[in-house]
N, C-alpha and C. Protein backbone atom coordinates (compact mmCIF):
# COMPACT_ATOMS: atom_id res chain seq x y z
N MET A 1 -0.10 -16.47 -3.98
CA MET A 1 -0.67 -16.94 -2.82
C MET A 1 -1.28 -15.88 -2.11
N THR A 2 -2.81 -16.27 -1.70
CA THR A 2 -3.49 -15.44 -0.89
C THR A 2 -3.44 -16.04 0.22
N LEU A 3 -3.39 -14.96 1.38
CA LEU A 3 -3.29 -15.08 2.60
C LEU A 3 -4.55 -14.23 3.25
N SER A 4 -5.43 -14.99 4.28
CA SER A 4 -6.34 -13.93 4.94
C SER A 4 -6.57 -14.60 6.40
N PHE A 5 -6.26 -13.53 6.88
CA PHE A 5 -6.33 -13.96 8.77
C PHE A 5 -7.58 -13.53 9.40
N GLU A 6 -8.37 -14.64 9.65
CA GLU A 6 -10.00 -14.23 10.31
C GLU A 6 -9.59 -13.64 11.89
N SER A 7 -10.58 -12.88 12.11
CA SER A 7 -10.48 -12.11 13.40
C SER A 7 -11.95 -11.82 13.48
N GLU A 8 -12.22 -11.32 14.47
CA GLU A 8 -13.60 -10.49 14.71
C GLU A 8 -13.78 -9.54 13.89
N SER A 9 -14.43 -9.68 12.65
CA SER A 9 -14.41 -8.84 11.30
C SER A 9 -15.83 -7.99 11.14
N PRO A 10 -15.34 -6.56 11.10
CA PRO A 10 -16.54 -5.76 10.72
C PRO A 10 -16.72 -5.84 9.20
N ILE A 11 -17.70 -5.49 8.88
CA ILE A 11 -18.22 -5.61 7.28
C ILE A 11 -16.97 -5.26 6.51
N GLU A 12 -16.36 -4.22 6.55
CA GLU A 12 -15.22 -3.62 5.76
C GLU A 12 -14.16 -4.66 5.92
N ARG A 13 -14.00 -5.45 6.66
CA ARG A 13 -12.76 -6.36 6.71
C ARG A 13 -13.06 -7.34 6.03
N ARG A 14 -14.39 -7.96 5.89
CA ARG A 14 -14.79 -9.11 4.79
C ARG A 14 -14.77 -8.74 3.38
N VAL A 15 -14.94 -7.24 3.28
CA VAL A 15 -15.05 -6.96 1.93
C VAL A 15 -13.83 -6.86 1.46
N LEU A 16 -12.84 -6.39 2.24
CA LEU A 16 -11.41 -6.21 1.87
C LEU A 16 -10.89 -7.74 1.58
N ALA A 17 -11.06 -8.49 2.42
CA ALA A 17 -10.51 -9.95 2.27
C ALA A 17 -11.08 -10.42 0.81
N ARG A 18 -12.26 -10.37 0.49
CA ARG A 18 -12.85 -10.59 -1.05
C ARG A 18 -12.46 -9.99 -2.00
N SER A 19 -12.12 -8.62 -1.93
CA SER A 19 -11.54 -7.95 -3.18
C SER A 19 -9.92 -7.60 -3.45
N LEU A 20 -9.15 -8.21 -2.67
CA LEU A 20 -7.98 -7.74 -2.96
C LEU A 20 -7.23 -8.48 -4.01
N GLU A 21 -7.78 -9.65 -4.33
CA GLU A 21 -7.36 -10.45 -5.38
C GLU A 21 -7.61 -10.13 -6.69
N THR A 22 -9.09 -9.56 -6.71
CA THR A 22 -9.61 -8.97 -7.64
C THR A 22 -8.84 -7.45 -8.32
N LEU A 23 -8.85 -6.57 -7.12
CA LEU A 23 -7.53 -5.63 -7.43
C LEU A 23 -6.62 -5.95 -7.92
N ARG A 24 -5.93 -6.80 -7.41
CA ARG A 24 -4.43 -7.10 -7.85
C ARG A 24 -4.57 -7.56 -9.17
N LYS A 25 -5.30 -8.28 -9.65
CA LYS A 25 -5.42 -8.78 -11.23
C LYS A 25 -5.86 -7.81 -12.03
N HIS A 26 -6.74 -6.84 -11.81
CA HIS A 26 -7.13 -5.79 -12.36
C HIS A 26 -6.35 -4.82 -12.69
N ALA A 27 -5.39 -4.14 -11.40
CA ALA A 27 -4.51 -3.42 -11.51
C ALA A 27 -3.08 -3.83 -11.92
N ARG A 28 -3.12 -5.10 -12.03
CA ARG A 28 -1.90 -5.64 -12.71
C ARG A 28 -0.58 -5.51 -11.76
N MET A 29 -0.86 -5.43 -10.32
CA MET A 29 0.10 -5.35 -9.25
C MET A 29 0.72 -6.86 -8.98
N ASP A 30 1.91 -6.83 -8.35
CA ASP A 30 2.49 -8.05 -8.20
C ASP A 30 1.72 -8.46 -6.82
N MET A 31 1.51 -7.45 -5.73
CA MET A 31 1.19 -7.51 -4.47
C MET A 31 0.31 -6.82 -4.27
N VAL A 32 -1.08 -7.09 -3.39
CA VAL A 32 -1.92 -6.26 -2.80
C VAL A 32 -2.39 -6.55 -1.73
N PHE A 33 -2.12 -5.81 -0.48
CA PHE A 33 -2.50 -6.10 1.03
C PHE A 33 -2.96 -4.97 1.52
N GLY A 34 -3.44 -5.13 2.69
CA GLY A 34 -4.03 -4.23 3.70
C GLY A 34 -4.83 -4.78 4.86
N GLY A 35 -5.62 -3.99 5.46
CA GLY A 35 -6.23 -4.23 6.67
C GLY A 35 -6.97 -3.05 7.32
N PRO A 36 -7.63 -3.37 8.55
CA PRO A 36 -8.29 -2.51 9.16
C PRO A 36 -7.67 -1.43 10.06
N VAL A 37 -8.22 -0.16 9.89
CA VAL A 37 -7.49 0.84 10.80
C VAL A 37 -8.20 0.88 12.22
N HIS A 38 -7.27 1.07 13.04
CA HIS A 38 -7.49 0.97 14.29
C HIS A 38 -7.55 2.33 15.19
N HIS A 39 -8.45 2.70 16.23
CA HIS A 39 -8.27 3.53 16.81
C HIS A 39 -8.29 4.91 16.39
N GLY A 40 -9.29 5.26 15.26
CA GLY A 40 -9.14 6.50 14.49
C GLY A 40 -8.29 6.40 13.45
N ALA A 41 -7.24 6.66 13.45
CA ALA A 41 -6.10 6.55 12.61
C ALA A 41 -4.79 6.27 13.07
N ALA A 42 -4.60 5.82 14.54
CA ALA A 42 -3.62 5.59 15.23
C ALA A 42 -2.61 4.46 14.57
N ALA A 43 -3.37 3.54 13.96
CA ALA A 43 -2.67 2.36 13.60
C ALA A 43 -3.49 1.47 12.73
N MET A 44 -2.91 0.41 12.09
CA MET A 44 -3.59 -0.36 11.27
C MET A 44 -2.74 -1.78 11.23
N GLU A 45 -3.48 -2.76 10.95
CA GLU A 45 -3.07 -3.91 10.92
C GLU A 45 -3.12 -4.75 9.57
N ILE A 46 -1.99 -5.57 9.02
CA ILE A 46 -1.97 -6.07 7.62
C ILE A 46 -2.66 -7.59 8.10
N THR A 47 -3.84 -7.73 7.70
CA THR A 47 -4.41 -8.85 7.78
C THR A 47 -4.78 -9.79 6.35
N ASP A 48 -4.69 -9.04 5.59
CA ASP A 48 -4.93 -9.81 4.08
C ASP A 48 -4.28 -9.47 3.03
N LEU A 49 -3.46 -10.74 2.28
CA LEU A 49 -2.34 -10.15 1.66
C LEU A 49 -2.72 -11.18 0.54
N THR A 50 -2.42 -10.65 -0.99
CA THR A 50 -2.36 -11.43 -1.93
C THR A 50 -1.24 -11.07 -3.11
N GLY A 51 -0.75 -12.46 -3.52
CA GLY A 51 0.49 -12.15 -4.19
C GLY A 51 2.04 -12.25 -3.55
N VAL A 52 1.62 -12.66 -2.28
CA VAL A 52 2.86 -12.70 -1.38
C VAL A 52 3.67 -13.84 -1.83
N ARG A 53 5.09 -13.61 -1.50
CA ARG A 53 5.97 -14.83 -1.50
C ARG A 53 6.41 -15.41 0.00
N THR A 54 6.26 -14.50 0.83
CA THR A 54 6.53 -14.77 2.29
C THR A 54 5.56 -14.35 3.23
N ARG A 55 5.53 -14.59 4.35
CA ARG A 55 4.56 -14.15 5.49
C ARG A 55 5.06 -12.97 6.20
N SER A 56 6.03 -12.34 5.67
CA SER A 56 6.89 -11.32 6.63
C SER A 56 5.93 -10.45 6.91
N ALA A 57 4.80 -9.75 6.26
CA ALA A 57 4.07 -8.67 6.64
C ALA A 57 2.74 -9.16 7.35
N VAL A 58 2.55 -10.42 7.46
CA VAL A 58 1.20 -10.93 8.32
C VAL A 58 1.23 -10.42 9.67
N ASN A 59 0.28 -9.76 10.09
CA ASN A 59 -0.23 -9.09 11.00
C ASN A 59 0.89 -8.12 11.65
N LEU A 60 1.29 -7.62 10.62
CA LEU A 60 2.14 -6.54 10.86
C LEU A 60 1.33 -5.16 11.38
N VAL A 61 1.50 -4.47 12.41
CA VAL A 61 0.79 -3.33 13.03
C VAL A 61 1.61 -2.19 12.73
N VAL A 62 0.98 -1.41 11.60
CA VAL A 62 1.73 0.00 11.28
C VAL A 62 1.01 0.89 11.88
N ARG A 63 2.18 1.60 12.53
CA ARG A 63 1.52 3.15 13.49
C ARG A 63 1.50 4.30 12.55
N SER A 64 0.70 5.12 12.69
CA SER A 64 0.41 6.31 12.01
C SER A 64 1.86 6.98 12.12
N GLY A 65 2.38 7.64 11.01
CA GLY A 65 3.45 8.55 10.87
C GLY A 65 4.69 7.64 10.46
N GLU A 66 4.56 6.40 10.81
CA GLU A 66 5.45 5.27 10.38
C GLU A 66 5.29 4.50 9.04
N GLY A 67 6.76 4.59 8.28
CA GLY A 67 6.34 3.83 7.01
C GLY A 67 5.70 4.66 6.09
N LEU A 68 5.59 3.93 4.99
CA LEU A 68 4.74 4.64 3.85
C LEU A 68 3.09 4.58 4.31
N GLY A 69 2.74 3.57 4.91
CA GLY A 69 1.14 3.31 5.31
C GLY A 69 1.00 4.27 6.40
N GLY A 70 1.96 4.37 7.22
CA GLY A 70 1.61 5.39 8.31
C GLY A 70 1.57 6.79 7.81
N LYS A 71 2.31 7.03 6.87
CA LYS A 71 2.26 8.33 6.44
C LYS A 71 1.05 8.76 5.58
N ALA A 72 0.36 7.50 4.94
CA ALA A 72 -0.75 7.79 4.34
C ALA A 72 -1.95 7.80 5.49
N LEU A 73 -1.86 7.11 6.52
CA LEU A 73 -2.79 7.34 7.74
C LEU A 73 -2.84 8.71 8.25
N MET A 74 -1.14 9.09 8.46
CA MET A 74 -1.23 10.53 9.04
C MET A 74 -1.61 11.64 8.11
N LEU A 75 -1.66 11.44 6.80
CA LEU A 75 -2.00 12.68 5.74
C LEU A 75 -3.37 12.32 5.62
N GLY A 76 -3.86 11.30 5.71
CA GLY A 76 -5.11 11.11 5.41
C GLY A 76 -5.72 10.97 3.80
N ARG A 77 -4.52 10.81 2.96
CA ARG A 77 -4.36 10.82 1.59
C ARG A 77 -3.48 9.60 0.93
N PRO A 78 -3.81 9.11 -0.28
CA PRO A 78 -2.76 8.10 -0.85
C PRO A 78 -1.48 8.80 -0.89
N VAL A 79 -0.27 8.01 -0.61
CA VAL A 79 0.94 8.30 -0.82
C VAL A 79 1.86 6.98 -1.57
N SER A 80 2.69 7.57 -2.28
CA SER A 80 3.57 6.31 -2.81
C SER A 80 4.86 6.79 -3.13
N VAL A 81 5.71 5.47 -3.51
CA VAL A 81 7.17 5.87 -3.51
C VAL A 81 7.53 4.87 -4.83
N ALA A 82 8.53 5.35 -5.74
CA ALA A 82 8.98 4.35 -6.74
C ALA A 82 10.29 3.77 -6.45
N ARG A 83 10.95 3.88 -5.43
CA ARG A 83 12.11 3.45 -5.06
C ARG A 83 12.03 2.99 -3.59
N TYR A 84 11.29 2.35 -2.90
CA TYR A 84 11.00 2.10 -1.48
C TYR A 84 12.27 2.13 -0.71
N PHE A 85 13.20 1.47 -1.18
CA PHE A 85 14.50 1.37 -0.13
C PHE A 85 15.19 2.65 -0.01
N SER A 86 15.28 3.61 -1.13
CA SER A 86 16.25 4.46 -1.17
C SER A 86 15.08 5.89 -1.09
N SER A 87 13.97 5.76 -0.88
CA SER A 87 12.95 6.75 -0.52
C SER A 87 13.47 7.53 0.80
N GLU A 88 13.68 8.55 0.74
CA GLU A 88 13.92 9.80 2.14
C GLU A 88 12.76 10.13 2.79
N GLY A 89 11.36 10.16 1.91
CA GLY A 89 10.35 10.64 2.41
C GLY A 89 9.45 9.96 3.44
N ILE A 90 10.02 9.04 3.68
CA ILE A 90 9.47 7.96 4.73
C ILE A 90 10.17 7.33 5.86
N THR A 91 9.89 6.96 6.88
CA THR A 91 10.73 6.15 7.81
C THR A 91 10.86 4.69 7.39
N HIS A 92 11.76 4.28 7.82
CA HIS A 92 12.13 2.62 7.23
C HIS A 92 12.16 1.72 8.37
N VAL A 93 11.14 1.90 9.42
CA VAL A 93 10.88 0.94 10.33
C VAL A 93 10.33 -0.35 9.87
N TYR A 94 9.76 -0.44 8.79
CA TYR A 94 9.25 -1.73 8.41
C TYR A 94 9.87 -2.51 7.26
N ASP A 95 11.07 -1.94 7.16
CA ASP A 95 12.05 -2.70 5.99
C ASP A 95 12.09 -3.87 6.12
N HIS A 96 11.91 -4.53 7.28
CA HIS A 96 12.26 -6.05 7.55
C HIS A 96 11.14 -6.59 7.17
N ALA A 97 9.98 -6.17 7.05
CA ALA A 97 8.64 -6.72 6.44
C ALA A 97 8.70 -6.81 4.79
N VAL A 98 9.25 -5.45 4.14
CA VAL A 98 9.21 -5.31 2.86
C VAL A 98 10.15 -5.99 2.11
N ARG A 99 11.38 -5.95 2.72
CA ARG A 99 12.67 -6.62 1.92
C ARG A 99 12.20 -7.99 1.78
N PRO A 100 11.71 -9.13 2.48
CA PRO A 100 11.52 -10.25 1.87
C PRO A 100 10.78 -10.31 0.57
N GLU A 101 9.78 -9.47 0.52
CA GLU A 101 8.96 -9.63 -0.67
C GLU A 101 9.30 -9.05 -1.73
N ALA A 102 10.41 -8.32 -1.89
CA ALA A 102 11.24 -7.74 -2.78
C ALA A 102 10.35 -6.57 -3.66
N ILE A 103 9.69 -5.85 -2.73
CA ILE A 103 8.99 -4.79 -3.30
C ILE A 103 9.87 -3.49 -3.57
N GLU A 104 9.55 -3.01 -4.64
CA GLU A 104 10.25 -1.88 -5.33
C GLU A 104 9.40 -0.63 -5.19
N THR A 105 8.20 -0.58 -6.06
CA THR A 105 7.39 0.51 -6.07
C THR A 105 6.05 0.26 -5.01
N LEU A 106 5.61 1.11 -3.98
CA LEU A 106 4.76 0.84 -3.49
C LEU A 106 3.84 2.30 -3.00
N ALA A 107 2.32 1.89 -3.09
CA ALA A 107 1.35 3.01 -2.81
C ALA A 107 0.59 2.64 -1.43
N ALA A 108 0.35 3.29 -0.86
CA ALA A 108 -0.73 3.04 0.26
C ALA A 108 -1.98 4.28 -0.07
N LEU A 109 -3.12 3.55 0.32
CA LEU A 109 -4.19 4.24 -0.11
C LEU A 109 -5.47 4.04 1.00
N PRO A 110 -5.57 5.05 1.88
CA PRO A 110 -6.51 4.78 2.91
C PRO A 110 -7.98 4.98 2.55
N ILE A 111 -8.65 4.18 3.09
CA ILE A 111 -10.26 4.05 2.55
C ILE A 111 -10.96 4.85 3.48
N VAL A 112 -11.45 6.40 3.41
CA VAL A 112 -11.92 6.73 4.40
C VAL A 112 -13.46 6.73 4.42
N VAL A 113 -14.19 6.83 5.47
CA VAL A 113 -15.77 6.75 5.38
C VAL A 113 -16.10 7.79 6.60
N ASP A 114 -16.83 8.78 6.21
CA ASP A 114 -17.14 9.78 7.37
C ASP A 114 -16.04 10.30 7.70
N ARG A 115 -15.02 10.66 6.77
CA ARG A 115 -13.99 11.46 7.27
C ARG A 115 -12.96 10.64 8.10
N VAL A 116 -13.34 9.35 8.51
CA VAL A 116 -12.29 8.42 9.35
C VAL A 116 -12.00 7.39 8.40
N PRO A 117 -10.37 7.07 8.41
CA PRO A 117 -9.82 6.02 7.57
C PRO A 117 -10.26 4.67 8.33
N ARG A 118 -10.87 3.69 7.29
CA ARG A 118 -11.35 2.39 7.78
C ARG A 118 -10.40 1.31 7.53
N ILE A 119 -9.94 1.43 6.39
CA ILE A 119 -9.21 0.38 5.71
C ILE A 119 -7.86 1.00 5.23
N LEU A 120 -6.57 0.54 5.24
CA LEU A 120 -5.48 0.73 4.48
C LEU A 120 -5.11 -0.46 3.47
N VAL A 121 -5.19 0.26 2.26
CA VAL A 121 -4.96 -0.91 1.09
C VAL A 121 -3.42 -0.24 0.42
N TYR A 122 -2.64 -1.42 0.15
CA TYR A 122 -1.23 -1.07 -0.46
C TYR A 122 -1.28 -1.93 -1.87
N LEU A 123 -0.56 -1.30 -2.84
CA LEU A 123 -0.56 -1.71 -4.09
C LEU A 123 1.31 -1.75 -4.18
N ALA A 124 1.77 -3.06 -4.70
CA ALA A 124 3.20 -3.00 -4.64
C ALA A 124 3.51 -3.60 -5.98
N THR A 125 4.59 -3.16 -6.52
CA THR A 125 5.27 -3.86 -7.74
C THR A 125 6.76 -4.25 -7.16
N ARG A 126 7.05 -5.36 -7.81
CA ARG A 126 8.45 -5.80 -7.61
C ARG A 126 9.58 -5.42 -8.58
N THR A 127 9.07 -4.34 -9.48
CA THR A 127 9.87 -3.65 -10.35
C THR A 127 9.61 -2.40 -10.46
N GLN A 128 10.47 -1.67 -10.66
CA GLN A 128 10.18 -0.12 -10.38
C GLN A 128 9.46 0.48 -11.51
N VAL A 129 8.42 1.04 -11.26
CA VAL A 129 7.56 1.70 -12.35
C VAL A 129 7.22 3.24 -11.72
N ALA A 130 6.84 4.09 -12.69
CA ALA A 130 6.26 5.24 -12.26
C ALA A 130 4.57 5.00 -12.49
N TRP A 131 3.96 5.74 -11.41
CA TRP A 131 2.54 5.52 -11.78
C TRP A 131 1.83 7.12 -10.93
N VAL A 132 0.66 7.19 -11.33
CA VAL A 132 -0.29 8.35 -10.91
C VAL A 132 -1.20 7.64 -10.02
N ILE A 133 -1.37 8.01 -8.77
CA ILE A 133 -2.72 7.63 -8.05
C ILE A 133 -3.08 8.86 -7.31
N ALA A 134 -4.34 9.26 -7.76
CA ALA A 134 -5.12 10.24 -7.00
C ALA A 134 -4.40 11.52 -6.70
N GLY A 135 -3.55 12.27 -7.33
CA GLY A 135 -2.79 13.33 -7.19
C GLY A 135 -1.36 13.04 -6.58
N THR A 136 -1.19 12.08 -6.61
CA THR A 136 0.37 11.47 -6.02
C THR A 136 1.16 10.74 -7.13
N THR A 137 2.31 11.22 -7.40
CA THR A 137 3.10 10.61 -8.25
C THR A 137 4.15 9.69 -7.82
N ALA A 138 4.44 8.64 -8.16
CA ALA A 138 5.74 7.94 -7.68
C ALA A 138 6.40 7.63 -9.14
N SER A 139 7.56 8.49 -9.33
CA SER A 139 8.08 8.18 -10.49
C SER A 139 9.68 7.73 -9.99
N PRO A 140 10.57 7.38 -10.72
CA PRO A 140 12.07 6.76 -10.45
C PRO A 140 12.71 8.08 -9.82
N HIS A 141 12.45 9.27 -10.03
CA HIS A 141 13.18 10.28 -9.81
C HIS A 141 12.41 11.00 -8.51
N SER A 142 11.42 10.42 -7.97
CA SER A 142 10.76 11.25 -6.85
C SER A 142 10.84 10.33 -5.58
N SER A 143 10.67 10.77 -4.51
CA SER A 143 10.61 10.28 -3.18
C SER A 143 9.46 10.53 -2.40
N GLY A 144 8.89 9.85 -1.64
CA GLY A 144 7.59 9.97 -0.63
C GLY A 144 6.89 10.61 -1.31
N GLY A 145 6.21 10.52 -2.58
CA GLY A 145 4.90 10.72 -2.83
C GLY A 145 4.91 12.21 -3.45
N SER A 146 6.08 12.68 -3.77
CA SER A 146 5.98 14.12 -4.39
C SER A 146 5.39 14.32 -5.75
N ASN A 147 4.85 15.26 -6.24
CA ASN A 147 4.39 15.58 -7.47
C ASN A 147 5.21 15.52 -8.82
N ALA A 148 6.44 14.95 -8.74
CA ALA A 148 7.14 14.98 -9.67
C ALA A 148 6.54 14.06 -11.06
N THR A 149 6.82 14.31 -12.28
CA THR A 149 6.20 13.57 -13.10
C THR A 149 7.04 12.65 -14.06
N SER A 150 6.94 11.84 -14.87
CA SER A 150 7.64 10.84 -15.55
C SER A 150 6.75 10.40 -16.70
N ARG A 151 7.64 10.28 -17.92
CA ARG A 151 7.03 9.67 -19.06
C ARG A 151 7.42 8.19 -19.03
N SER A 152 8.04 7.63 -18.28
CA SER A 152 8.44 6.13 -18.12
C SER A 152 7.49 5.33 -17.90
N LYS A 153 7.64 3.94 -18.01
CA LYS A 153 6.69 2.97 -17.86
C LYS A 153 5.63 3.48 -16.70
N THR A 154 4.47 3.56 -17.14
CA THR A 154 3.31 4.05 -15.92
C THR A 154 2.43 3.07 -15.58
N LYS A 155 1.85 2.97 -14.49
CA LYS A 155 1.01 2.25 -13.94
C LYS A 155 -0.16 3.10 -13.57
N SER A 156 -1.33 2.77 -13.57
CA SER A 156 -2.44 3.76 -12.87
C SER A 156 -3.04 2.91 -11.76
N ALA A 157 -3.64 3.21 -10.97
CA ALA A 157 -4.50 2.44 -9.85
C ALA A 157 -5.44 1.63 -10.74
N ALA A 158 -5.98 1.97 -11.94
CA ALA A 158 -6.81 1.14 -12.78
C ALA A 158 -6.00 -0.01 -13.53
N GLY A 159 -4.73 0.41 -13.59
CA GLY A 159 -3.91 -0.86 -14.16
C GLY A 159 -3.44 -0.64 -15.66
N SER A 160 -3.78 0.55 -16.10
CA SER A 160 -3.42 0.85 -17.62
C SER A 160 -1.98 1.22 -17.72
N ARG A 161 -1.26 0.93 -18.81
CA ARG A 161 0.14 1.01 -18.86
C ARG A 161 0.36 2.03 -20.10
N SER A 162 1.32 2.96 -19.95
CA SER A 162 1.39 3.88 -21.31
C SER A 162 3.00 3.85 -21.68
């Protein structure tokens, strides 16, 4: 199921809405979602979702430093976790929105234009996998986007498996 919630949308918001399903299919993710970043990088709102089972994350506002997406906003770089619910590298203030979707492995990627985050995109799987995304590795033995490596089932942002 793909959900999109219209509001006064800048062009990057419209591009995001059109791109998420294509990204989900090509990257072989169970769920891809995201939305615009507000006030520099103080917060973002999840406005577009594809592959969802519920409406638990619709219009959720994620604040900088909170949860995986907030950590990505705060650091200005992609972060990922292989075991979302047992990860010690993030706060768990948004567990109420993640749990109904049965997300296991999650990555958050800020889209930065002119050094300012404009969009935050999440890639999610409902099974535990190891993957490498732009210098951050989520493996079953890592938490909070550490640089641990794993030779287990791997997904990249491009969707290849090894």
